[in-house]
Each structure stands twice: as structure tokens, then as C-alpha cells.
Protein backbone atom coordinates (compact mmCIF):
# COMPACT_ATOMS: atom_id res chain seq x y z
CA MET A 1 -10.66 133.25 -16.29
CA SER A 2 -8.04 134.58 -18.40
CA LYS A 3 -7.24 133.14 -21.70
CA PHE A 4 -4.05 130.77 -21.97
CA PRO A 5 -1.43 132.36 -23.96
CA GLN A 6 -0.28 130.92 -27.53
CA ILE A 7 3.09 129.28 -26.93
CA THR A 8 5.79 127.90 -29.34
CA SER A 9 7.45 124.45 -28.43
CA GLN A 10 10.65 126.50 -28.10
CA LYS A 11 9.18 128.70 -25.29
CA LEU A 12 7.30 125.64 -23.77
CA ILE A 13 10.65 123.72 -23.56
CA LYS A 14 12.46 126.77 -22.08
CA THR A 15 9.64 127.14 -19.26
CA LEU A 16 9.63 123.30 -18.55
CA GLU A 17 13.61 123.62 -18.02
CA LYS A 18 13.16 126.42 -15.62
CA LEU A 19 10.69 123.93 -13.85
CA GLY A 20 13.54 121.55 -13.67
CA PHE A 21 12.97 119.18 -16.82
CA VAL A 22 16.04 118.27 -18.82
CA ILE A 23 15.89 117.19 -22.41
CA ILE A 24 17.12 113.57 -22.46
CA ARG A 25 16.85 112.82 -26.11
CA ILE A 26 15.59 114.19 -29.30
CA LYS A 27 14.25 111.91 -31.90
CA GLY A 28 13.13 113.63 -35.08
CA SER A 29 11.03 116.45 -34.23
CA HIS A 30 10.35 115.32 -30.74
CA HIS A 31 12.01 116.36 -27.69
CA TYR A 32 11.80 114.04 -24.65
CA LEU A 33 11.98 115.60 -21.15
CA LEU A 34 12.53 114.19 -17.96
CA HIS A 35 12.33 115.58 -14.29
CA SER A 36 14.53 114.32 -11.41
CA ASP A 37 11.30 112.98 -9.62
CA GLY A 38 10.42 110.75 -12.65
CA ARG A 39 7.72 112.97 -14.32
CA ALA A 40 8.24 112.89 -18.25
CA THR A 41 6.78 114.33 -21.44
CA VAL A 42 7.31 114.69 -25.17
CA VAL A 43 7.06 117.97 -26.87
CA PRO A 44 7.06 118.13 -30.69
CA PHE A 45 9.36 121.01 -31.89
CA HIS A 46 8.22 122.79 -35.05
CA LYS A 47 9.94 126.10 -34.78
CA GLY A 48 7.69 129.18 -35.11
CA GLU A 49 4.55 127.05 -34.68
CA ASN A 50 2.31 127.45 -31.80
CA ILE A 51 1.46 124.24 -29.64
CA GLY A 52 -2.36 123.52 -29.68
CA ILE A 53 -4.17 124.07 -26.48
CA GLY A 54 -5.23 120.23 -26.31
CA LEU A 55 -1.62 119.23 -26.48
CA LEU A 56 -0.28 121.77 -24.12
CA PHE A 57 -2.96 120.75 -21.47
CA LYS A 58 -1.87 116.85 -22.04
CA ILE A 59 1.77 118.17 -21.69
CA LEU A 60 0.94 119.65 -18.47
CA LYS A 61 -1.05 116.87 -17.20
CA ASP A 62 1.90 114.44 -17.92
CA CYS A 63 4.15 116.94 -16.06
CA LYS A 64 1.52 117.10 -13.23
CA LEU A 65 1.75 120.78 -13.24
CA ASN A 66 -1.35 122.87 -12.73
CA LYS A 67 -2.19 125.90 -15.01
CA GLU A 68 -1.20 128.42 -12.32
CA GLU A 69 2.15 127.07 -11.56
CA PHE A 70 3.07 126.76 -15.42
CA LEU A 71 1.84 130.39 -16.07
CA ASN A 72 3.74 131.72 -13.28
CA LYS A 73 6.99 130.32 -14.39
CA TYR A 74 6.09 131.28 -18.01
CA LYS A 75 5.29 134.95 -17.28
CA ASN A 76 8.53 135.20 -15.34
CA SER A 77 10.73 133.80 -18.19
């Protein structure tokens, strides 16, 4: 099994947008994203800082994405 890459919040949001999520609002440093099918998540945006692995997996769970699907889009962006 390969290691999960370190990812910044900016790159995470960009990847989620490619998967169909849209930023619906920003409150402070938190970006709220929504998919047309109702899936939603919150991504803390701290420029230049990496998202922790636990938080990343929580966001993927909120988005109902598996690791492979996410990594496919992430690597192709």
C-alpha cells in the first residue's frame, strides 16, 4: 500500500471541485463545499499548511469518496 501524499487545503479544494463540489460559503478560514447530490464537507483553509491525515480521511468520508477515487483525481490535476 502506498503512502498518502501530504496535501494542502488549496490543492484539496481544487481536487474536490474537479469531483463536482462547489464552494458555497466561506466563514473565517473554513470553506464549505457542496455537491449537487447533497454531499457536503468543510475544509479549513490555512495557506501553505498541510491537511492532517486524520482530517483528510474525515473529509473523504463526508464526501463519500474512497481513497482510490480521490487519488486518481488528485494525481491527474
